[in-house]
Amino acid sequence: MPHRNWNQETKNRLNEKVDAAVTDLGSLARQVVRGSRSSELLAQAAKNFASQESAVQNSLQALRKMGLITSHLQFQEEAIERSMDTLDNIQDQLKTILR
């Protein structure tokens, strides 16, 4: 009978080990699935980031053009101010002539 008891105990331990191995394997499989999902998400994020590059380039070009337009408008404003000063001088001269 002790021999039978030992066999039963060995079978029980073996069953416990098999159960633990199956549980560990399930955990490993879940971790791998999560990991692969993470790499998919990371790849999608990288793809989205890369797709934004053209938008950033377009924005940069638009900002450069706006900078040029601003410079031209400032130049035109200064030219108009000089013209106004000249116009004021001409008006003053006309007033003097007409008196």
PDB file of N, CA and C in Angstrom:
ATOM      1  N   MET A   1       0.778  -1.200   0.000  1.00  0.00           N
ATOM      2  CA  MET A   1       0.000   0.000   0.000  1.00  0.00           C
ATOM      3  C   MET A   1       0.828   1.279   0.000  1.00  0.00           C
ATOM      4  N   PRO A   2       1.982   1.323   0.679  1.00  0.00           N
ATOM      5  CA  PRO A   2       2.782   2.534   0.628  1.00  0.00           C
ATOM      6  C   PRO A   2       3.219   2.848  -0.786  1.00  0.00           C
ATOM      7  N   HIS A   3       3.434   1.825  -1.576  1.00  0.00           N
ATOM      8  CA  HIS A   3       3.834   2.034  -2.961  1.00  0.00           C
ATOM      9  C   HIS A   3       2.718   2.726  -3.751  1.00  0.00           C
ATOM     10  N   ARG A   4       1.495   2.314  -3.508  1.00  0.00           N
ATOM     11  CA  ARG A   4       0.342   2.905  -4.180  1.00  0.00           C
ATOM     12  C   ARG A   4       0.172   4.362  -3.747  1.00  0.00           C
ATOM     13  N   ASN A   5       0.398   4.626  -2.493  1.00  0.00           N
ATOM     14  CA  ASN A   5       0.305   5.979  -1.963  1.00  0.00           C
ATOM     15  C   ASN A   5       1.347   6.881  -2.619  1.00  0.00           C
ATOM     16  N   TRP A   6       2.543   6.328  -2.783  1.00  0.00           N
ATOM     17  CA  TRP A   6       3.621   7.086  -3.414  1.00  0.00           C
ATOM     18  C   TRP A   6       3.282   7.391  -4.866  1.00  0.00           C
ATOM     19  N   ASN A   7       2.712   6.428  -5.607  1.00  0.00           N
ATOM     20  CA  ASN A   7       2.298   6.639  -6.998  1.00  0.00           C
ATOM     21  C   ASN A   7       1.229   7.723  -7.088  1.00  0.00           C
ATOM     22  N   GLN A   8       0.274   7.685  -6.191  1.00  0.00           N
ATOM     23  CA  GLN A   8      -0.800   8.685  -6.190  1.00  0.00           C
ATOM     24  C   GLN A   8      -0.230  10.075  -5.900  1.00  0.00           C
ATOM     25  N   GLU A   9       0.675  10.138  -4.938  1.00  0.00           N
ATOM     26  CA  GLU A   9       1.302  11.410  -4.595  1.00  0.00           C
ATOM     27  C   GLU A   9       2.107  11.950  -5.782  1.00  0.00           C
ATOM     28  N   THR A  10       2.827  11.065  -6.465  1.00  0.00           N
ATOM     29  CA  THR A  10       3.607  11.453  -7.634  1.00  0.00           C
ATOM     30  C   THR A  10       2.685  11.957  -8.742  1.00  0.00           C
ATOM     31  N   LYS A  11       1.565  11.249  -8.957  1.00  0.00           N
ATOM     32  CA  LYS A  11       0.597  11.690  -9.974  1.00  0.00           C
ATOM     33  C   LYS A  11       0.016  13.059  -9.625  1.00  0.00           C
ATOM     34  N   ASN A  12      -0.291  13.257  -8.358  1.00  0.00           N
ATOM     35  CA  ASN A  12      -0.846  14.545  -7.923  1.00  0.00           C
ATOM     36  C   ASN A  12       0.166  15.676  -8.162  1.00  0.00           C
ATOM     37  N   ARG A  13       1.418  15.416  -7.778  1.00  0.00           N
ATOM     38  CA  ARG A  13       2.455  16.441  -8.010  1.00  0.00           C
ATOM     39  C   ARG A  13       2.633  16.718  -9.494  1.00  0.00           C
ATOM     40  N   LEU A  14       2.619  15.639 -10.275  1.00  0.00           N
ATOM     41  CA  LEU A  14       2.750  15.802 -11.727  1.00  0.00           C
ATOM     42  C   LEU A  14       1.591  16.616 -12.287  1.00  0.00           C
ATOM     43  N   ASN A  15       0.378  16.340 -11.829  1.00  0.00           N
ATOM     44  CA  ASN A  15      -0.791  17.116 -12.272  1.00  0.00           C
ATOM     45  C   ASN A  15      -0.658  18.589 -11.883  1.00  0.00           C
ATOM     46  N   GLU A  16      -0.165  18.835 -10.664  1.00  0.00           N
ATOM     47  CA  GLU A  16       0.040  20.214 -10.228  1.00  0.00           C
ATOM     48  C   GLU A  16       1.080  20.914 -11.098  1.00  0.00           C
ATOM     49  N   LYS A  17       2.155  20.196 -11.395  1.00  0.00           N
ATOM     50  CA  LYS A  17       3.201  20.769 -12.255  1.00  0.00           C
ATOM     51  C   LYS A  17       2.659  21.055 -13.650  1.00  0.00           C
ATOM     52  N   VAL A  18       1.863  20.122 -14.201  1.00  0.00           N
ATOM     53  CA  VAL A  18       1.276  20.328 -15.528  1.00  0.00           C
ATOM     54  C   VAL A  18       0.335  21.520 -15.499  1.00  0.00           C
ATOM     55  N   ASP A  19      -0.499  21.610 -14.448  1.00  0.00           N
ATOM     56  CA  ASP A  19      -1.401  22.761 -14.320  1.00  0.00           C
ATOM     57  C   ASP A  19      -0.612  24.069 -14.245  1.00  0.00           C
ATOM     58  N   ALA A  20       0.452  24.097 -13.452  1.00  0.00           N
ATOM     59  CA  ALA A  20       1.271  25.303 -13.321  1.00  0.00           C
ATOM     60  C   ALA A  20       1.920  25.654 -14.660  1.00  0.00           C
ATOM     61  N   ALA A  21       2.406  24.624 -15.377  1.00  0.00           N
ATOM     62  CA  ALA A  21       3.041  24.875 -16.676  1.00  0.00           C
ATOM     63  C   ALA A  21       2.028  25.422 -17.668  1.00  0.00           C
ATOM     64  N   VAL A  22       0.817  24.874 -17.681  1.00  0.00           N
ATOM     65  CA  VAL A  22      -0.225  25.362 -18.593  1.00  0.00           C
ATOM     66  C   VAL A  22      -0.609  26.795 -18.236  1.00  0.00           C
ATOM     67  N   THR A  23      -0.724  27.075 -16.945  1.00  0.00           N
ATOM     68  CA  THR A  23      -1.042  28.442 -16.503  1.00  0.00           C
ATOM     69  C   THR A  23       0.068  29.403 -16.921  1.00  0.00           C
ATOM     70  N   ASP A  24       1.323  29.001 -16.690  1.00  0.00           N
ATOM     71  CA  ASP A  24       2.457  29.847 -17.089  1.00  0.00           C
ATOM     72  C   ASP A  24       2.489  30.050 -18.603  1.00  0.00           C
ATOM     73  N   LEU A  25       2.194  28.996 -19.338  1.00  0.00           N
ATOM     74  CA  LEU A  25       2.165  29.104 -20.797  1.00  0.00           C
ATOM     75  C   LEU A  25       1.073  30.064 -21.254  1.00  0.00           C
ATOM     76  N   GLY A  26      -0.086  30.002 -20.598  1.00  0.00           N
ATOM     77  CA  GLY A  26      -1.171  30.941 -20.903  1.00  0.00           C
ATOM     78  C   GLY A  26      -0.765  32.373 -20.628  1.00  0.00           C
ATOM     79  N   SER A  27      -0.084  32.572 -19.482  1.00  0.00           N
ATOM     80  CA  SER A  27       0.400  33.915 -19.143  1.00  0.00           C
ATOM     81  C   SER A  27       1.405  34.400 -20.170  1.00  0.00           C
ATOM     82  N   LEU A  28       2.299  33.510 -20.572  1.00  0.00           N
ATOM     83  CA  LEU A  28       3.291  33.866 -21.581  1.00  0.00           C
ATOM     84  C   LEU A  28       2.619  34.227 -22.899  1.00  0.00           C
ATOM     85  N   ALA A  29       1.619  33.439 -23.292  1.00  0.00           N
ATOM     86  CA  ALA A  29       0.907  33.711 -24.543  1.00  0.00           C
ATOM     87  C   ALA A  29       0.205  35.062 -24.483  1.00  0.00           C
ATOM     88  N   ARG A  30      -0.426  35.370 -23.336  1.00  0.00           N
ATOM     89  CA  ARG A  30      -1.092  36.679 -23.191  1.00  0.00           C
ATOM     90  C   ARG A  30      -0.074  37.816 -23.282  1.00  0.00           C
ATOM     91  N   GLN A  31       1.082  37.609 -22.656  1.00  0.00           N
ATOM     92  CA  GLN A  31       2.130  38.632 -22.687  1.00  0.00           C
ATOM     93  C   GLN A  31       2.638  38.849 -24.109  1.00  0.00           C
ATOM     94  N   VAL A  32       2.805  37.774 -24.856  1.00  0.00           N
ATOM     95  CA  VAL A  32       3.263  37.888 -26.244  1.00  0.00           C
ATOM     96  C   VAL A  32       2.229  38.632 -27.076  1.00  0.00           C
ATOM     97  N   VAL A  33       0.946  38.303 -26.851  1.00  0.00           N
ATOM     98  CA  VAL A  33      -0.117  39.002 -27.593  1.00  0.00           C
ATOM     99  C   VAL A  33      -0.113  40.479 -27.247  1.00  0.00           C
ATOM    100  N   ARG A  34       0.022  40.778 -25.957  1.00  0.00           N
ATOM    101  CA  ARG A  34       0.095  42.191 -25.554  1.00  0.00           C
ATOM    102  C   ARG A  34       1.303  42.867 -26.184  1.00  0.00           C
ATOM    103  N   GLY A  35       2.423  42.166 -26.173  1.00  0.00           N
ATOM    104  CA  GLY A  35       3.647  42.720 -26.752  1.00  0.00           C
ATOM    105  C   GLY A  35       3.501  42.972 -28.232  1.00  0.00           C
ATOM    106  N   SER A  36       2.882  42.044 -28.926  1.00  0.00           N
ATOM    107  CA  SER A  36       2.709  42.243 -30.367  1.00  0.00           C
ATOM    108  C   SER A  36       1.738  43.388 -30.620  1.00  0.00           C
ATOM    109  N   ARG A  37       0.740  43.517 -29.785  1.00  0.00           N
ATOM    110  CA  ARG A  37      -0.206  44.636 -29.915  1.00  0.00           C
ATOM    111  C   ARG A  37       0.522  45.949 -29.658  1.00  0.00           C
ATOM    112  N   SER A  38       1.427  45.921 -28.687  1.00  0.00           N
ATOM    113  CA  SER A  38       2.210  47.125 -28.390  1.00  0.00           C
ATOM    114  C   SER A  38       3.040  47.519 -29.598  1.00  0.00           C
ATOM    115  N   SER A  39       3.663  46.540 -30.251  1.00  0.00           N
ATOM    116  CA  SER A  39       4.478  46.883 -31.414  1.00  0.00           C
ATOM    117  C   SER A  39       3.603  47.381 -32.552  1.00  0.00           C
ATOM    118  N   GLU A  40       2.386  46.833 -32.670  1.00  0.00           N
ATOM    119  CA  GLU A  40       1.459  47.349 -33.691  1.00  0.00           C
ATOM    120  C   GLU A  40       1.089  48.797 -33.392  1.00  0.00           C
ATOM    121  N   LEU A  41       0.798  49.064 -32.122  1.00  0.00           N
ATOM    122  CA  LEU A  41       0.454  50.437 -31.738  1.00  0.00           C
ATOM    123  C   LEU A  41       1.627  51.377 -31.948  1.00  0.00           C
ATOM    124  N   LEU A  42       2.815  50.897 -31.613  1.00  0.00           N
ATOM    125  CA  LEU A  42       4.013  51.715 -31.807  1.00  0.00           C
ATOM    126  C   LEU A  42       4.247  51.981 -33.292  1.00  0.00           C
ATOM    127  N   ALA A  43       4.051  50.956 -34.119  1.00  0.00           N
ATOM    128  CA  ALA A  43       4.225  51.125 -35.565  1.00  0.00           C
ATOM    129  C   ALA A  43       3.192  52.110 -36.105  1.00  0.00           C
ATOM    130  N   GLN A  44       1.953  52.008 -35.637  1.00  0.00           N
ATOM    131  CA  GLN A  44       0.910  52.942 -36.077  1.00  0.00           C
ATOM    132  C   GLN A  44       1.229  54.362 -35.633  1.00  0.00           C
ATOM    133  N   ALA A  45       1.734  54.499 -34.412  1.00  0.00           N
ATOM    134  CA  ALA A  45       2.108  55.833 -33.917  1.00  0.00           C
ATOM    135  C   ALA A  45       3.245  56.417 -34.755  1.00  0.00           C
ATOM    136  N   ALA A  46       4.221  55.583 -35.094  1.00  0.00           N
ATOM    137  CA  ALA A  46       5.335  56.049 -35.927  1.00  0.00           C
ATOM    138  C   ALA A  46       4.837  56.453 -37.308  1.00  0.00           C
ATOM    139  N   LYS A  47       3.913  55.673 -37.847  1.00  0.00           N
ATOM    140  CA  LYS A  47       3.340  55.984 -39.166  1.00  0.00           C
ATOM    141  C   LYS A  47       2.586  57.315 -39.114  1.00  0.00           C
ATOM    142  N   ASN A  48       1.780  57.500 -38.068  1.00  0.00           N
ATOM    143  CA  ASN A  48       1.045  58.758 -37.909  1.00  0.00           C
ATOM    144  C   ASN A  48       1.996  59.937 -37.749  1.00  0.00           C
ATOM    145  N   PHE A  49       3.056  59.726 -36.975  1.00  0.00           N
ATOM    146  CA  PHE A  49       4.046  60.778 -36.772  1.00  0.00           C
ATOM    147  C   PHE A  49       4.704  61.153 -38.097  1.00  0.00           C
ATOM    148  N   ALA A  50       5.071  60.133 -38.868  1.00  0.00           N
ATOM    149  CA  ALA A  50       5.716  60.385 -40.160  1.00  0.00           C
ATOM    150  C   ALA A  50       4.768  61.086 -41.122  1.00  0.00           C
ATOM    151  N   SER A  51       3.481  60.749 -41.049  1.00  0.00           N
ATOM    152  CA  SER A  51       2.528  61.392 -41.959  1.00  0.00           C
ATOM    153  C   SER A  51       2.356  62.870 -41.632  1.00  0.00           C
ATOM    154  N   GLN A  52       2.691  63.263 -40.410  1.00  0.00           N
ATOM    155  CA  GLN A  52       2.587  64.664 -40.019  1.00  0.00           C
ATOM    156  C   GLN A  52       3.742  65.503 -40.565  1.00  0.00           C
ATOM    157  N   GLU A  53       4.787  64.838 -41.044  1.00  0.00           N
ATOM    158  CA  GLU A  53       5.965  65.557 -41.526  1.00  0.00           C
ATOM    159  C   GLU A  53       5.610  66.514 -42.663  1.00  0.00           C
ATOM    160  N   SER A  54       4.776  66.056 -43.590  1.00  0.00           N
ATOM    161  CA  SER A  54       4.409  66.929 -44.707  1.00  0.00           C
ATOM    162  C   SER A  54       3.596  68.121 -44.217  1.00  0.00           C
ATOM    163  N   ALA A  55       2.736  67.891 -43.226  1.00  0.00           N
ATOM    164  CA  ALA A  55       1.962  69.007 -42.669  1.00  0.00           C
ATOM    165  C   ALA A  55       2.892  70.013 -42.002  1.00  0.00           C
ATOM    166  N   VAL A  56       3.895  69.526 -41.309  1.00  0.00           N
ATOM    167  CA  VAL A  56       4.858  70.418 -40.658  1.00  0.00           C
ATOM    168  C   VAL A  56       5.648  71.195 -41.711  1.00  0.00           C
ATOM    169  N   GLN A  57       6.058  70.510 -42.783  1.00  0.00           N
ATOM    170  CA  GLN A  57       6.793  71.179 -43.868  1.00  0.00           C
ATOM    171  C   GLN A  57       5.925  72.260 -44.515  1.00  0.00           C
ATOM    172  N   ASN A  58       4.660  71.931 -44.774  1.00  0.00           N
ATOM    173  CA  ASN A  58       3.744  72.913 -45.370  1.00  0.00           C
ATOM    174  C   ASN A  58       3.559  74.114 -44.448  1.00  0.00           C
ATOM    175  N   SER A  59       3.434  73.836 -43.158  1.00  0.00           N
ATOM    176  CA  SER A  59       3.288  74.932 -42.195  1.00  0.00           C
ATOM    177  C   SER A  59       4.535  75.807 -42.168  1.00  0.00           C
ATOM    178  N   LEU A  60       5.691  75.166 -42.217  1.00  0.00           N
ATOM    179  CA  LEU A  60       6.946  75.921 -42.230  1.00  0.00           C
ATOM    180  C   LEU A  60       7.028  76.820 -43.463  1.00  0.00           C
ATOM    181  N   GLN A  61       6.675  76.274 -44.623  1.00  0.00           N
ATOM    182  CA  GLN A  61       6.689  77.079 -45.851  1.00  0.00           C
ATOM    183  C   GLN A  61       5.692  78.223 -45.755  1.00  0.00           C
ATOM    184  N   ALA A  62       4.504  77.957 -45.214  1.00  0.00           N
ATOM    185  CA  ALA A  62       3.495  79.012 -45.060  1.00  0.00           C
ATOM    186  C   ALA A  62       4.003  80.107 -44.128  1.00  0.00           C
ATOM    187  N   LEU A  63       4.678  79.712 -43.032  1.00  0.00           N
ATOM    188  CA  LEU A  63       5.226  80.708 -42.106  1.00  0.00           C
ATOM    189  C   LEU A  63       6.310  81.546 -42.768  1.00  0.00           C
ATOM    190  N   ARG A  64       7.140  80.911 -43.584  1.00  0.00           N
ATOM    191  CA  ARG A  64       8.173  81.675 -44.296  1.00  0.00           C
ATOM    192  C   ARG A  64       7.541  82.679 -45.252  1.00  0.00           C
ATOM    193  N   LYS A  65       6.504  82.239 -45.978  1.00  0.00           N
ATOM    194  CA  LYS A  65       5.814  83.157 -46.898  1.00  0.00           C
ATOM    195  C   LYS A  65       5.173  84.304 -46.130  1.00  0.00           C
ATOM    196  N   MET A  66       4.567  83.985 -44.983  1.00  0.00           N
ATOM    197  CA  MET A  66       3.963  85.049 -44.176  1.00  0.00           C
ATOM    198  C   MET A  66       5.023  86.027 -43.685  1.00  0.00           C
ATOM    199  N   GLY A  67       6.208  85.512 -43.361  1.00  0.00           N
ATOM    200  CA  GLY A  67       7.306  86.393 -42.949  1.00  0.00           C
ATOM    201  C   GLY A  67       7.699  87.336 -44.070  1.00  0.00           C
ATOM    202  N   LEU A  68       7.780  86.799 -45.291  1.00  0.00           N
ATOM    203  CA  LEU A  68       8.099  87.651 -46.444  1.00  0.00           C
ATOM    204  C   LEU A  68       7.014  88.688 -46.686  1.00  0.00           C
ATOM    205  N   ILE A  69       5.753  88.252 -46.594  1.00  0.00           N
ATOM    206  CA  ILE A  69       4.636  89.186 -46.798  1.00  0.00           C
ATOM    207  C   ILE A  69       4.672  90.285 -45.737  1.00  0.00           C
ATOM    208  N   THR A  70       4.972  89.900 -44.500  1.00  0.00           N
ATOM    209  CA  THR A  70       5.069  90.885 -43.415  1.00  0.00           C
ATOM    210  C   THR A  70       6.173  91.902 -43.715  1.00  0.00           C
ATOM    211  N   SER A  71       7.303  91.410 -44.192  1.00  0.00           N
ATOM    212  CA  SER A  71       8.403  92.317 -44.539  1.00  0.00           C
ATOM    213  C   SER A  71       7.989  93.273 -45.651  1.00  0.00           C
ATOM    214  N   HIS A  72       7.310  92.754 -46.676  1.00  0.00           N
ATOM    215  CA  HIS A  72       6.854  93.604 -47.782  1.00  0.00           C
ATOM    216  C   HIS A  72       5.837  94.635 -47.292  1.00  0.00           C
ATOM    217  N   LEU A  73       4.928  94.205 -46.423  1.00  0.00           N
ATOM    218  CA  LEU A  73       3.930  95.144 -45.907  1.00  0.00           C
ATOM    219  C   LEU A  73       4.589  96.231 -45.065  1.00  0.00           C
ATOM    220  N   GLN A  74       5.597  95.876 -44.282  1.00  0.00           N
ATOM    221  CA  GLN A  74       6.316  96.890 -43.490  1.00  0.00           C
ATOM    222  C   GLN A  74       7.029  97.879 -44.411  1.00  0.00           C
ATOM    223  N   PHE A  75       7.629  97.348 -45.474  1.00  0.00           N
ATOM    224  CA  PHE A  75       8.296  98.223 -46.442  1.00  0.00           C
ATOM    225  C   PHE A  75       7.278  99.180 -47.069  1.00  0.00           C
ATOM    226  N   GLN A  76       6.110  98.649 -47.459  1.00  0.00           N
ATOM    227  CA  GLN A  76       5.077  99.486 -48.077  1.00  0.00           C
ATOM    228  C   GLN A  76       4.545 100.513 -47.080  1.00  0.00           C
ATOM    229  N   GLU A  77       4.409 100.103 -45.810  1.00  0.00           N
ATOM    230  CA  GLU A  77       3.947 101.051 -44.795  1.00  0.00           C
ATOM    231  C   GLU A  77       4.939 102.207 -44.652  1.00  0.00           C
ATOM    232  N   GLU A  78       6.222 101.892 -44.633  1.00  0.00           N
ATOM    233  CA  GLU A  78       7.242 102.932 -44.526  1.00  0.00           C
ATOM    234  C   GLU A  78       7.210 103.845 -45.744  1.00  0.00           C
ATOM    235  N   ALA A  79       7.007 103.263 -46.923  1.00  0.00           N
ATOM    236  CA  ALA A  79       6.928 104.070 -48.147  1.00  0.00           C
ATOM    237  C   ALA A  79       5.713 104.992 -48.093  1.00  0.00           C
ATOM    238  N   ILE A  80       4.597 104.485 -47.593  1.00  0.00           N
ATOM    239  CA  ILE A  80       3.383 105.316 -47.489  1.00  0.00           C
ATOM    240  C   ILE A  80       3.616 106.443 -46.494  1.00  0.00           C
ATOM    241  N   GLU A  81       4.261 106.147 -45.366  1.00  0.00           N
ATOM    242  CA  GLU A  81       4.556 107.193 -44.374  1.00  0.00           C
ATOM    243  C   GLU A  81       5.454 108.270 -44.976  1.00  0.00           C
ATOM    244  N   ARG A  82       6.468 107.842 -45.764  1.00  0.00           N
ATOM    245  CA  ARG A  82       7.333 108.841 -46.414  1.00  0.00           C
ATOM    246  C   ARG A  82       6.529 109.674 -47.403  1.00  0.00           C
ATOM    247  N   SER A  83       5.637 109.028 -48.119  1.00  0.00           N
ATOM    248  CA  SER A  83       4.789 109.764 -49.073  1.00  0.00           C
ATOM    249  C   SER A  83       3.888 110.750 -48.356  1.00  0.00           C
ATOM    250  N   MET A  84       3.369 110.332 -47.195  1.00  0.00           N
ATOM    251  CA  MET A  84       2.501 111.240 -46.426  1.00  0.00           C
ATOM    252  C   MET A  84       3.293 112.456 -45.938  1.00  0.00           C
ATOM    253  N   ASP A  85       4.526 112.210 -45.509  1.00  0.00           N
ATOM    254  CA  ASP A  85       5.367 113.335 -45.074  1.00  0.00           C
ATOM    255  C   ASP A  85       5.608 114.284 -46.245  1.00  0.00           C
ATOM    256  N   THR A  86       5.894 113.716 -47.398  1.00  0.00           N
ATOM    257  CA  THR A  86       6.125 114.526 -48.599  1.00  0.00           C
ATOM    258  C   THR A  86       4.858 115.285 -48.956  1.00  0.00           C
ATOM    259  N   LEU A  87       3.716 114.613 -48.861  1.00  0.00           N
ATOM    260  CA  LEU A  87       2.438 115.248 -49.174  1.00  0.00           C
ATOM    261  C   LEU A  87       2.161 116.411 -48.224  1.00  0.00           C
ATOM    262  N   ASP A  88       2.469 116.213 -46.934  1.00  0.00           N
ATOM    263  CA  ASP A  88       2.295 117.294 -45.960  1.00  0.00           C
ATOM    264  C   ASP A  88       3.177 118.490 -46.335  1.00  0.00           C
ATOM    265  N   ASN A  89       4.423 118.221 -46.740  1.00  0.00           N
ATOM    266  CA  ASN A  89       5.325 119.303 -47.147  1.00  0.00           C
ATOM    267  C   ASN A  89       4.773 120.028 -48.369  1.00  0.00           C
ATOM    268  N   ILE A  90       4.264 119.268 -49.329  1.00  0.00           N
ATOM    269  CA  ILE A  90       3.710 119.878 -50.545  1.00  0.00           C
ATOM    270  C   ILE A  90       2.496 120.741 -50.198  1.00  0.00           C
ATOM    271  N   GLN A  91       1.633 120.243 -49.320  1.00  0.00           N
ATOM    272  CA  GLN A  91       0.456 121.016 -48.911  1.00  0.00           C
ATOM    273  C   GLN A  91       0.873 122.310 -48.224  1.00  0.00           C
ATOM    274  N   ASP A  92       1.896 122.224 -47.369  1.00  0.00           N
ATOM    275  CA  ASP A  92       2.388 123.422 -46.693  1.00  0.00           C
ATOM    276  C   ASP A  92       2.916 124.439 -47.721  1.00  0.00           C
ATOM    277  N   GLN A  93       3.640 123.924 -48.727  1.00  0.00           N
ATOM    278  CA  GLN A  93       4.170 124.817 -49.770  1.00  0.00           C
ATOM    279  C   GLN A  93       3.032 125.433 -50.572  1.00  0.00           C
ATOM    280  N   LEU A  94       1.984 124.644 -50.889  1.00  0.00           N
ATOM    281  CA  LEU A  94       0.849 125.170 -51.624  1.00  0.00           C
ATOM    282  C   LEU A  94       0.131 126.256 -50.842  1.00  0.00           C
ATOM    283  N   LYS A  95      -0.030 126.045 -49.561  1.00  0.00           N
ATOM    284  CA  LYS A  95      -0.684 127.042 -48.697  1.00  0.00           C
ATOM    285  C   LYS A  95       0.113 128.355 -48.713  1.00  0.00           C
ATOM    286  N   THR A  96       1.450 128.193 -48.654  1.00  0.00           N
ATOM    287  CA  THR A  96       2.309 129.375 -48.667  1.00  0.00           C
ATOM    288  C   THR A  96       2.169 130.105 -49.999  1.00  0.00           C
ATOM    289  N   ILE A  97       2.119 129.392 -51.093  1.00  0.00           N
ATOM    290  CA  ILE A  97       2.001 129.992 -52.420  1.00  0.00           C
ATOM    291  C   ILE A  97       0.652 130.693 -52.568  1.00  0.00           C
ATOM    292  N   LEU A  98      -0.404 130.040 -52.072  1.00  0.00           N
ATOM    293  CA  LEU A  98      -1.756 130.574 -52.240  1.00  0.00           C
ATOM    294  C   LEU A  98      -2.052 131.759 -51.340  1.00  0.00           C
ATOM    295  N   ARG A  99      -1.282 132.105 -50.398  1.00  0.00           N
ATOM    296  CA  ARG A  99      -1.532 133.224 -49.492  1.00  0.00           C
ATOM    297  C   ARG A  99      -1.210 134.495 -50.124  1.00  0.00           C
TER     298      ARG A  99
END
